[in-house]
């Protein structure tokens, strides 16, 4: 027992010995470095998680010569929207966001809108009939007859009557029925145009522009060539920066 107490005393004395100064310095330095590294990591995470407007900084070039354009030709900002008429997200954009952009920017002369079709969903869904292509051809047939105003009118009809993207709904017969509501459209000419795929070359030209721009999804929206998230807030910011209000 006495030996045990003696050992205990020795143990306690040993425990009371101060740590070497060198180890204290090393431990303090390590703590400081660890704290700095943690701060840097937190800052990096905060930077990469911060909200963005979707702009990548890359400016794409689009040829608007043969595209349907809504708005004044001399509008200071240009919006290009890339869509497939079978795309549900495109329908949501056209019905929820576009009317507000038209009211706020197009009708006030600040923005013009160009429409670029990319019919890819039917093939992506392995559908037996490429009705994405048929819908795009039909819209171009209307454009050839009635110009941009007719095109945008028919565009609303197509999105308003959109079927499920996993089914074939934009058949040529269905498209003729939908176009029959356009009072100024020559239905006979439209039918001939659609049946003969007369506008396919124009649709393929659109696809070439899409490929050249590196677009991989719809809707893809660009303000003055820069990709922007297709929300009203992000687009409003981009348009305001491109076309500032007059003093």
Protein backbone atom coordinates (compact mmCIF):
# COMPACT_ATOMS: atom_id res chain seq x y z
CA UNK A 1 0.00 0.00 0.00
CA UNK A 2 2.81 2.38 0.93
CA UNK A 3 4.51 1.57 -2.33
CA UNK A 4 1.31 2.27 -4.11
CA UNK A 5 1.02 5.68 -2.44
CA UNK A 6 4.59 6.46 -3.33
CA UNK A 7 3.93 5.59 -6.91
CA UNK A 8 0.81 7.72 -6.89
CA UNK A 9 2.78 10.67 -5.60
CA UNK A 10 5.36 10.22 -8.27
CA UNK A 11 2.63 10.01 -10.89
CA UNK A 12 1.07 13.20 -9.62
CA UNK A 13 4.37 15.00 -9.61
CA UNK A 14 5.00 13.86 -13.16
CA UNK A 15 1.57 15.03 -14.21
CA UNK A 16 2.25 18.49 -12.85
CA UNK A 17 5.33 18.96 -14.99
CA UNK A 18 4.74 21.72 -17.57
CA UNK A 19 4.77 20.81 -21.23
CA UNK A 20 7.90 21.75 -23.12
CA UNK A 21 7.67 25.27 -24.57
CA UNK A 22 8.35 23.95 -28.05
CA UNK A 23 5.26 21.74 -28.00
CA UNK A 24 3.06 24.59 -26.77
CA UNK A 25 4.21 26.78 -29.66
CA UNK A 26 3.62 24.02 -32.18
CA UNK A 27 0.13 23.33 -30.87
CA UNK A 28 -0.81 27.01 -30.93
CA UNK A 29 0.44 27.44 -34.47
CA UNK A 30 -1.51 24.40 -35.61
CA UNK A 31 -4.68 25.78 -34.06
CA UNK A 32 -4.19 29.10 -35.83
CA UNK A 33 -3.56 27.41 -39.20
CA UNK A 34 -6.57 25.15 -38.73
CA UNK A 35 -8.79 28.13 -37.94
CA UNK A 36 -7.57 30.01 -41.02
CA UNK A 37 -8.14 27.00 -43.27
CA UNK A 38 -11.66 26.56 -41.91
CA UNK A 39 -12.40 30.23 -42.58
CA UNK A 40 -11.13 29.91 -46.15
CA UNK A 41 -13.24 26.80 -46.76
CA UNK A 42 -16.36 28.46 -45.35
CA UNK A 43 -15.79 31.51 -47.57
CA UNK A 44 -15.30 29.28 -50.63
CA UNK A 45 -18.50 27.36 -49.95
CA UNK A 46 -20.41 30.60 -49.43
CA UNK A 47 -19.07 31.92 -52.75
CA UNK A 48 -20.09 28.86 -54.78
CA UNK A 49 -23.51 28.61 -53.14
CA UNK A 50 -24.45 32.25 -53.61
CA UNK A 51 -27.46 32.91 -55.92
CA UNK A 52 -26.73 33.69 -59.55
CA UNK A 53 -28.71 35.02 -62.48
CA UNK A 54 -27.57 32.13 -64.67
CA UNK A 55 -25.27 34.21 -66.83
CA UNK A 56 -22.14 32.32 -67.82
CA UNK A 57 -20.31 35.33 -69.23
CA UNK A 58 -20.10 33.64 -72.64
CA UNK A 59 -21.74 35.69 -75.40
CA UNK A 60 -23.49 33.69 -78.12
CA UNK A 61 -24.17 35.05 -81.56
CA UNK A 62 -27.55 34.47 -83.20
CA UNK A 63 -28.66 35.29 -86.72
CA UNK A 64 -32.10 36.88 -86.36
CA UNK A 65 -32.59 37.44 -90.09
CA UNK A 66 -35.01 34.55 -90.63
CA UNK A 67 -36.42 34.29 -87.09
CA UNK A 68 -39.85 35.49 -85.95
CA UNK A 69 -39.31 38.66 -83.92
CA UNK A 70 -41.73 40.30 -81.52
CA UNK A 71 -41.21 43.98 -80.73
CA UNK A 72 -39.51 46.99 -82.28
CA UNK A 73 -36.49 46.34 -84.47
CA UNK A 74 -34.50 49.12 -82.78
CA UNK A 75 -35.19 47.94 -79.21
CA UNK A 76 -31.97 48.28 -77.18
CA UNK A 77 -32.12 44.73 -75.77
CA UNK A 78 -32.67 41.42 -77.56
CA UNK A 79 -34.02 38.25 -76.01
CA UNK A 80 -33.64 34.93 -77.84
CA UNK A 81 -35.70 32.03 -76.53
CA UNK A 82 -34.99 28.45 -77.62
CA UNK A 83 -37.95 26.07 -77.26
CA UNK A 84 -39.53 22.79 -78.27
CA UNK A 85 -43.33 22.94 -78.58
CA UNK A 86 -43.55 19.62 -76.70
CA UNK A 87 -41.54 20.98 -73.74
CA UNK A 88 -43.64 21.49 -70.55
CA UNK A 89 -41.11 23.92 -69.07
CA UNK A 90 -41.31 25.97 -72.27
CA UNK A 91 -45.08 26.13 -71.93
CA UNK A 92 -44.73 27.33 -68.33
CA UNK A 93 -42.25 29.99 -69.41
CA UNK A 94 -44.51 31.20 -72.23
CA UNK A 95 -47.60 31.31 -70.05
CA UNK A 96 -46.13 32.63 -66.79
CA UNK A 97 -43.06 34.71 -67.63
CA UNK A 98 -43.35 35.89 -71.23
CA UNK A 99 -46.61 37.89 -70.85
CA UNK A 100 -44.97 39.95 -68.09
CA UNK A 101 -41.86 40.55 -70.20
CA UNK A 102 -44.03 41.63 -73.12
CA UNK A 103 -46.02 44.03 -70.96
CA UNK A 104 -43.02 45.53 -69.16
CA UNK A 105 -40.37 45.56 -71.88
CA UNK A 106 -41.62 44.68 -75.38
CA UNK A 107 -44.62 47.01 -75.34
CA UNK A 108 -42.47 49.84 -74.00
CA UNK A 109 -39.87 49.50 -76.75
CA UNK A 110 -37.05 48.24 -74.52
CA UNK A 111 -36.93 44.65 -75.78
CA UNK A 112 -37.42 42.56 -78.88
CA UNK A 113 -37.91 38.79 -78.67
CA UNK A 114 -36.70 36.27 -81.25
CA UNK A 115 -37.99 32.69 -81.29
CA UNK A 116 -35.69 29.79 -82.12
CA UNK A 117 -37.19 26.29 -82.27
CA UNK A 118 -35.25 23.17 -81.37
CA UNK A 119 -37.42 20.09 -81.96
CA UNK A 120 -35.61 17.35 -80.05
CA UNK A 121 -37.99 15.91 -77.44
CA UNK A 122 -39.79 13.37 -79.64
CA UNK A 123 -36.47 11.77 -80.54
CA UNK A 124 -35.22 12.04 -76.97
CA UNK A 125 -38.33 10.14 -75.82
CA UNK A 126 -37.92 7.58 -78.63
CA UNK A 127 -41.41 8.32 -79.93
CA UNK A 128 -42.48 6.57 -83.14
CA UNK A 129 -43.37 9.90 -84.80
CA UNK A 130 -41.27 13.05 -84.61
CA UNK A 131 -44.09 15.40 -83.69
CA UNK A 132 -41.60 17.89 -82.26
CA UNK A 133 -40.43 18.37 -85.83
CA UNK A 134 -43.99 18.53 -87.19
CA UNK A 135 -44.94 21.26 -84.69
CA UNK A 136 -41.86 23.30 -85.58
CA UNK A 137 -42.60 22.92 -89.31
CA UNK A 138 -46.22 23.95 -88.79
CA UNK A 139 -45.18 27.10 -86.92
CA UNK A 140 -42.83 28.02 -89.75
CA UNK A 141 -45.61 27.45 -92.29
CA UNK A 142 -47.71 29.98 -90.38
CA UNK A 143 -44.75 32.37 -90.23
CA UNK A 144 -44.25 32.16 -94.00
CA UNK A 145 -47.85 33.27 -94.50
CA UNK A 146 -48.57 35.66 -91.64
CA UNK A 147 -45.17 36.82 -90.47
CA UNK A 148 -44.08 37.25 -86.88
CA UNK A 149 -47.49 38.27 -85.52
CA UNK A 150 -49.10 35.12 -86.95
CA UNK A 151 -46.25 32.97 -85.70
CA UNK A 152 -46.54 34.21 -82.12
CA UNK A 153 -50.31 33.78 -82.28
CA UNK A 154 -49.95 30.16 -83.37
CA UNK A 155 -47.21 29.64 -80.79
CA UNK A 156 -49.72 30.46 -78.05
CA UNK A 157 -52.17 27.99 -79.58
CA UNK A 158 -49.56 25.22 -79.65
CA UNK A 159 -48.51 25.69 -76.03
CA UNK A 160 -52.11 26.12 -74.94
CA UNK A 161 -53.01 22.76 -76.46
CA UNK A 162 -49.80 20.94 -75.55
CA UNK A 163 -50.15 17.22 -74.82
CA UNK A 164 -47.97 14.94 -72.73
CA UNK A 165 -44.36 15.03 -73.82
CA UNK A 166 -44.16 11.22 -73.72
CA UNK A 167 -46.95 10.81 -76.29
CA UNK A 168 -47.39 11.75 -79.94
CA UNK A 169 -49.94 14.56 -79.96
CA UNK A 170 -48.69 17.07 -82.58
CA UNK A 171 -49.67 15.00 -85.59
CA UNK A 172 -50.15 16.78 -88.89
CA UNK A 173 -53.91 16.34 -88.66
CA UNK A 174 -53.95 17.78 -85.13
CA UNK A 175 -51.80 20.71 -86.23
CA UNK A 176 -54.18 21.48 -89.09
CA UNK A 177 -57.06 21.49 -86.62
CA UNK A 178 -55.22 23.86 -84.32
CA UNK A 179 -54.32 26.17 -87.19
CA UNK A 180 -57.93 26.31 -88.38
CA UNK A 181 -58.61 28.88 -85.67
CA UNK A 182 -56.30 31.41 -87.34
CA UNK A 183 -58.75 33.47 -89.36
CA UNK A 184 -56.20 35.09 -91.68
CA UNK A 185 -54.41 31.85 -92.53
CA UNK A 186 -54.99 30.26 -95.94
CA UNK A 187 -55.78 26.76 -94.74
CA UNK A 188 -55.17 25.13 -98.09
CA UNK A 189 -51.70 26.63 -98.41
CA UNK A 190 -50.94 25.74 -94.82
CA UNK A 191 -51.98 22.13 -95.38
CA UNK A 192 -49.83 21.86 -98.50
CA UNK A 193 -46.88 23.42 -96.69
CA UNK A 194 -47.15 21.03 -93.76
CA UNK A 195 -47.81 17.90 -95.79
CA UNK A 196 -44.81 18.53 -98.03
CA UNK A 197 -42.44 19.43 -95.15
CA UNK A 198 -41.74 22.63 -97.05
CA UNK A 199 -40.29 24.40 -94.02
CA UNK A 200 -38.00 21.60 -92.85
CA UNK A 201 -34.89 23.35 -94.18
CA UNK A 202 -35.76 26.43 -92.11
CA UNK A 203 -36.21 24.27 -89.01
CA UNK A 204 -32.86 22.62 -89.66
CA UNK A 205 -31.23 26.04 -89.94
CA UNK A 206 -32.58 26.77 -86.47
CA UNK A 207 -31.07 23.54 -85.21
CA UNK A 208 -27.67 24.54 -86.61
CA UNK A 209 -27.80 27.76 -84.59
CA UNK A 210 -28.72 25.79 -81.48
CA UNK A 211 -25.79 23.42 -82.00
CA UNK A 212 -23.36 26.27 -82.66
CA UNK A 213 -24.45 27.97 -79.43
CA UNK A 214 -23.86 24.81 -77.40
CA UNK A 215 -27.44 24.71 -76.13
CA UNK A 216 -28.40 21.51 -74.30
CA UNK A 217 -31.86 22.19 -72.82
CA UNK A 218 -35.13 24.04 -73.31
CA UNK A 219 -36.17 26.64 -72.58
CA UNK A 220 -32.81 28.34 -73.03
CA UNK A 221 -33.00 32.12 -72.86
CA UNK A 222 -30.40 34.69 -73.84
CA UNK A 223 -30.32 38.44 -73.32
CA UNK A 224 -27.97 40.10 -75.80
CA UNK A 225 -26.29 36.73 -76.32
CA UNK A 226 -25.73 35.89 -72.65
CA UNK A 227 -27.50 32.93 -71.05
CA UNK A 228 -29.92 33.91 -68.30
CA UNK A 229 -32.01 31.78 -65.97
CA UNK A 230 -35.57 31.82 -67.41
CA UNK A 231 -37.20 33.51 -64.41
CA UNK A 232 -38.86 36.91 -64.37
CA UNK A 233 -36.47 38.24 -61.73
CA UNK A 234 -33.27 37.15 -63.50
CA UNK A 235 -34.47 38.28 -66.92
CA UNK A 236 -35.70 41.63 -65.62
CA UNK A 237 -32.28 42.30 -64.09
CA UNK A 238 -30.49 41.35 -67.31
CA UNK A 239 -32.82 43.43 -69.49
CA UNK A 240 -32.60 46.46 -67.17
CA UNK A 241 -28.81 46.27 -67.31
CA UNK A 242 -28.89 46.01 -71.10
CA UNK A 243 -31.52 48.71 -71.59
CA UNK A 244 -31.31 51.17 -68.67
CA UNK A 245 -34.22 53.50 -68.14
CA UNK A 246 -33.93 56.95 -69.64
CA UNK A 247 -32.90 59.66 -67.12
